[in-house]
Amino acid sequence: MNFALAEWFGFNQRVKQDMIFEKEINGERVTKKVYGRFNWWALLFTWFYALFSPRCQVRFFIIKATVPFLAMILVNTIVGLFFVDDVVLIVGLIGDIWYGFMFETWFKNQLVADGFEPVAAA
């Protein structure tokens, strides 16, 4: 599992087109799709989306999705100590937008780390 800052903030390496990944598990081909666009569900529900979405059920992905969420909470807490509520709301919104933009990239990276292989663009 990679928690490097380059992966967290790698906007230039962000997934920009739909991708399909496959892996054979117990003799059965498992297919996962990565979307090349902003993930509204991740913006609205952050790591809960990774927890409850059947599409995101990949080994260790919930941990990978939770770490940035916890970092967002820490940043919001620190900002809340020094700034007014309006600034805290703006920082929180920026964090949620970042999460929505990067979610599919984190998902793709975890699929690759878990042994899934790209098969075709959708």
C-alpha atoms as a PDB file:
ATOM      1  CA  MET A   1       0.000   0.000   0.000  1.00  0.00           C
ATOM      2  CA  ASN A   2       1.409   3.356  -1.063  1.00  0.00           C
ATOM      3  CA  PHE A   3       0.573   6.503   0.903  1.00  0.00           C
ATOM      4  CA  ALA A   4       3.054   8.785  -0.869  1.00  0.00           C
ATOM      5  CA  LEU A   5       2.084  12.424  -1.244  1.00  0.00           C
ATOM      6  CA  ALA A   6       2.676  12.093  -4.987  1.00  0.00           C
ATOM      7  CA  GLU A   7      -0.233   9.670  -5.099  1.00  0.00           C
ATOM      8  CA  TRP A   8      -2.441  11.883  -2.940  1.00  0.00           C
ATOM      9  CA  PHE A   9      -1.848  15.034  -4.980  1.00  0.00           C
ATOM     10  CA  GLY A  10      -0.835  13.633  -8.385  1.00  0.00           C
ATOM     11  CA  PHE A  11      -3.343  15.678 -10.388  1.00  0.00           C
ATOM     12  CA  ASN A  12      -1.208  15.308 -13.530  1.00  0.00           C
ATOM     13  CA  GLN A  13      -1.293  11.501 -13.185  1.00  0.00           C
ATOM     14  CA  ARG A  14      -5.045  11.493 -12.503  1.00  0.00           C
ATOM     15  CA  VAL A  15      -7.233   9.009 -14.402  1.00  0.00           C
ATOM     16  CA  LYS A  16      -8.759  10.895 -17.322  1.00  0.00           C
ATOM     17  CA  GLN A  17     -10.437   8.122 -19.309  1.00  0.00           C
ATOM     18  CA  ASP A  18     -12.542   5.103 -18.424  1.00  0.00           C
ATOM     19  CA  MET A  19     -10.548   1.918 -17.874  1.00  0.00           C
ATOM     20  CA  ILE A  20     -11.452  -1.723 -17.286  1.00  0.00           C
ATOM     21  CA  PHE A  21      -9.367  -4.026 -15.106  1.00  0.00           C
ATOM     22  CA  GLU A  22      -9.627  -7.793 -14.709  1.00  0.00           C
ATOM     23  CA  LYS A  23      -8.215 -10.395 -12.390  1.00  0.00           C
ATOM     24  CA  GLU A  24      -8.848 -14.090 -11.965  1.00  0.00           C
ATOM     25  CA  ILE A  25      -9.975 -14.927  -8.430  1.00  0.00           C
ATOM     26  CA  ASN A  26     -10.806 -18.555  -7.544  1.00  0.00           C
ATOM     27  CA  GLY A  27     -11.104 -19.471 -11.219  1.00  0.00           C
ATOM     28  CA  GLU A  28     -13.511 -16.625 -11.944  1.00  0.00           C
ATOM     29  CA  ARG A  29     -12.742 -13.422 -13.892  1.00  0.00           C
ATOM     30  CA  VAL A  30     -13.514 -10.341 -11.819  1.00  0.00           C
ATOM     31  CA  THR A  31     -13.966  -7.100 -13.751  1.00  0.00           C
ATOM     32  CA  LYS A  32     -13.686  -3.626 -12.234  1.00  0.00           C
ATOM     33  CA  LYS A  33     -14.292  -0.340 -14.017  1.00  0.00           C
ATOM     34  CA  VAL A  34     -12.456   2.895 -13.277  1.00  0.00           C
ATOM     35  CA  TYR A  35     -14.160   6.063 -14.440  1.00  0.00           C
ATOM     36  CA  GLY A  36     -12.165   8.887 -15.962  1.00  0.00           C
ATOM     37  CA  ARG A  37     -14.229  11.681 -14.495  1.00  0.00           C
ATOM     38  CA  PHE A  38     -15.062  13.435 -11.271  1.00  0.00           C
ATOM     39  CA  ASN A  39     -16.682  11.097  -8.736  1.00  0.00           C
ATOM     40  CA  TRP A  40     -19.727  12.821  -7.227  1.00  0.00           C
ATOM     41  CA  TRP A  41     -20.409   9.933  -4.856  1.00  0.00           C
ATOM     42  CA  ALA A  42     -16.912  10.283  -3.399  1.00  0.00           C
ATOM     43  CA  LEU A  43     -17.445  14.026  -2.962  1.00  0.00           C
ATOM     44  CA  LEU A  44     -20.717  13.482  -1.111  1.00  0.00           C
ATOM     45  CA  PHE A  45     -19.849  10.413   0.979  1.00  0.00           C
ATOM     46  CA  THR A  46     -15.993  10.328   1.029  1.00  0.00           C
ATOM     47  CA  TRP A  47     -14.717   7.051   2.472  1.00  0.00           C
ATOM     48  CA  PHE A  48     -18.253   5.763   3.150  1.00  0.00           C
ATOM     49  CA  TYR A  49     -18.628   5.370  -0.610  1.00  0.00           C
ATOM     50  CA  ALA A  50     -15.553   3.116  -0.660  1.00  0.00           C
ATOM     51  CA  LEU A  51     -16.918   1.182   2.304  1.00  0.00           C
ATOM     52  CA  PHE A  52     -20.421   0.484   0.963  1.00  0.00           C
ATOM     53  CA  SER A  53     -20.037   0.467  -2.834  1.00  0.00           C
ATOM     54  CA  PRO A  54     -19.802  -3.063  -4.290  1.00  0.00           C
ATOM     55  CA  ARG A  55     -17.626  -1.654  -7.084  1.00  0.00           C
ATOM     56  CA  CYS A  56     -14.969  -0.592  -4.579  1.00  0.00           C
ATOM     57  CA  GLN A  57     -14.663  -3.928  -2.777  1.00  0.00           C
ATOM     58  CA  VAL A  58     -10.952  -4.429  -3.373  1.00  0.00           C
ATOM     59  CA  ARG A  59      -8.470  -5.575  -0.772  1.00  0.00           C
ATOM     60  CA  PHE A  60      -7.094  -2.652   1.295  1.00  0.00           C
ATOM     61  CA  PHE A  61      -8.922   0.025  -0.703  1.00  0.00           C
ATOM     62  CA  ILE A  62     -11.003   1.074   2.290  1.00  0.00           C
ATOM     63  CA  ILE A  63      -7.759   1.848   4.124  1.00  0.00           C
ATOM     64  CA  LYS A  64      -6.426   3.775   1.134  1.00  0.00           C
ATOM     65  CA  ALA A  65      -9.678   5.774   0.986  1.00  0.00           C
ATOM     66  CA  THR A  66      -9.792   6.402   4.740  1.00  0.00           C
ATOM     67  CA  VAL A  67      -6.298   7.858   5.131  1.00  0.00           C
ATOM     68  CA  PRO A  68      -6.977  10.970   2.978  1.00  0.00           C
ATOM     69  CA  PHE A  69     -10.315  11.393   4.755  1.00  0.00           C
ATOM     70  CA  LEU A  70      -8.575  11.387   8.136  1.00  0.00           C
ATOM     71  CA  ALA A  71      -6.031  13.859   6.785  1.00  0.00           C
ATOM     72  CA  MET A  72      -8.916  16.113   5.714  1.00  0.00           C
ATOM     73  CA  ILE A  73     -10.362  15.942   9.236  1.00  0.00           C
ATOM     74  CA  LEU A  74      -6.977  16.846  10.733  1.00  0.00           C
ATOM     75  CA  VAL A  75      -6.558  19.814   8.366  1.00  0.00           C
ATOM     76  CA  ASN A  76     -10.115  21.004   9.086  1.00  0.00           C
ATOM     77  CA  THR A  77      -9.504  20.732  12.826  1.00  0.00           C
ATOM     78  CA  ILE A  78      -6.281  22.746  12.619  1.00  0.00           C
ATOM     79  CA  VAL A  79      -7.919  25.364  10.376  1.00  0.00           C
ATOM     80  CA  GLY A  80     -10.834  25.525  12.825  1.00  0.00           C
ATOM     81  CA  LEU A  81      -8.468  26.440  15.637  1.00  0.00           C
ATOM     82  CA  PHE A  82      -7.087  29.483  13.824  1.00  0.00           C
ATOM     83  CA  PHE A  83      -9.780  30.742  11.454  1.00  0.00           C
ATOM     84  CA  VAL A  84     -13.467  31.637  11.389  1.00  0.00           C
ATOM     85  CA  ASP A  85     -16.179  29.158  10.377  1.00  0.00           C
ATOM     86  CA  ASP A  86     -16.423  30.475   6.803  1.00  0.00           C
ATOM     87  CA  VAL A  87     -12.768  29.619   6.160  1.00  0.00           C
ATOM     88  CA  VAL A  88     -13.263  26.166   7.697  1.00  0.00           C
ATOM     89  CA  LEU A  89     -16.219  25.542   5.362  1.00  0.00           C
ATOM     90  CA  ILE A  90     -14.208  26.627   2.323  1.00  0.00           C
ATOM     91  CA  VAL A  91     -11.261  24.424   3.299  1.00  0.00           C
ATOM     92  CA  GLY A  92     -13.655  21.506   3.866  1.00  0.00           C
ATOM     93  CA  LEU A  93     -15.262  22.044   0.463  1.00  0.00           C
ATOM     94  CA  ILE A  94     -11.853  22.198  -1.224  1.00  0.00           C
ATOM     95  CA  GLY A  95     -10.923  18.939   0.524  1.00  0.00           C
ATOM     96  CA  ASP A  96     -14.106  17.252  -0.654  1.00  0.00           C
ATOM     97  CA  ILE A  97     -13.540  18.418  -4.237  1.00  0.00           C
ATOM     98  CA  TRP A  98      -9.966  17.102  -4.081  1.00  0.00           C
ATOM     99  CA  TYR A  99     -11.310  13.787  -2.795  1.00  0.00           C
ATOM    100  CA  GLY A 100     -13.813  13.585  -5.660  1.00  0.00           C
ATOM    101  CA  PHE A 101     -11.148  14.309  -8.267  1.00  0.00           C
ATOM    102  CA  MET A 102      -8.591  11.841  -6.911  1.00  0.00           C
ATOM    103  CA  PHE A 103     -10.867   8.955  -5.828  1.00  0.00           C
ATOM    104  CA  GLU A 104     -10.802   7.111  -9.178  1.00  0.00           C
ATOM    105  CA  THR A 105      -7.019   7.443  -9.378  1.00  0.00           C
ATOM    106  CA  TRP A 106      -6.619   5.962  -5.902  1.00  0.00           C
ATOM    107  CA  PHE A 107      -8.994   3.173  -6.905  1.00  0.00           C
ATOM    108  CA  LYS A 108      -7.016   2.433 -10.083  1.00  0.00           C
ATOM    109  CA  ASN A 109      -3.730   2.408  -8.171  1.00  0.00           C
ATOM    110  CA  GLN A 110      -5.144  -0.050  -5.629  1.00  0.00           C
ATOM    111  CA  LEU A 111      -6.465  -2.300  -8.399  1.00  0.00           C
ATOM    112  CA  VAL A 112      -2.995  -2.405  -9.949  1.00  0.00           C
ATOM    113  CA  ALA A 113      -1.408  -3.072  -6.535  1.00  0.00           C
ATOM    114  CA  ASP A 114      -3.888  -5.912  -5.995  1.00  0.00           C
ATOM    115  CA  GLY A 115      -2.931  -7.605  -9.265  1.00  0.00           C
ATOM    116  CA  PHE A 116      -5.666  -6.405 -11.590  1.00  0.00           C
ATOM    117  CA  GLU A 117      -4.580  -5.814 -15.172  1.00  0.00           C
ATOM    118  CA  PRO A 118      -5.985  -3.270 -17.624  1.00  0.00           C
ATOM    119  CA  VAL A 119      -7.813  -4.904 -20.529  1.00  0.00           C
ATOM    120  CA  ALA A 120      -9.458  -2.140 -22.558  1.00  0.00           C
ATOM    121  CA  ALA A 121     -10.728   1.391 -22.520  1.00  0.00           C
ATOM    122  CA  ALA A 122     -14.464   1.723 -22.187  1.00  0.00           C
END
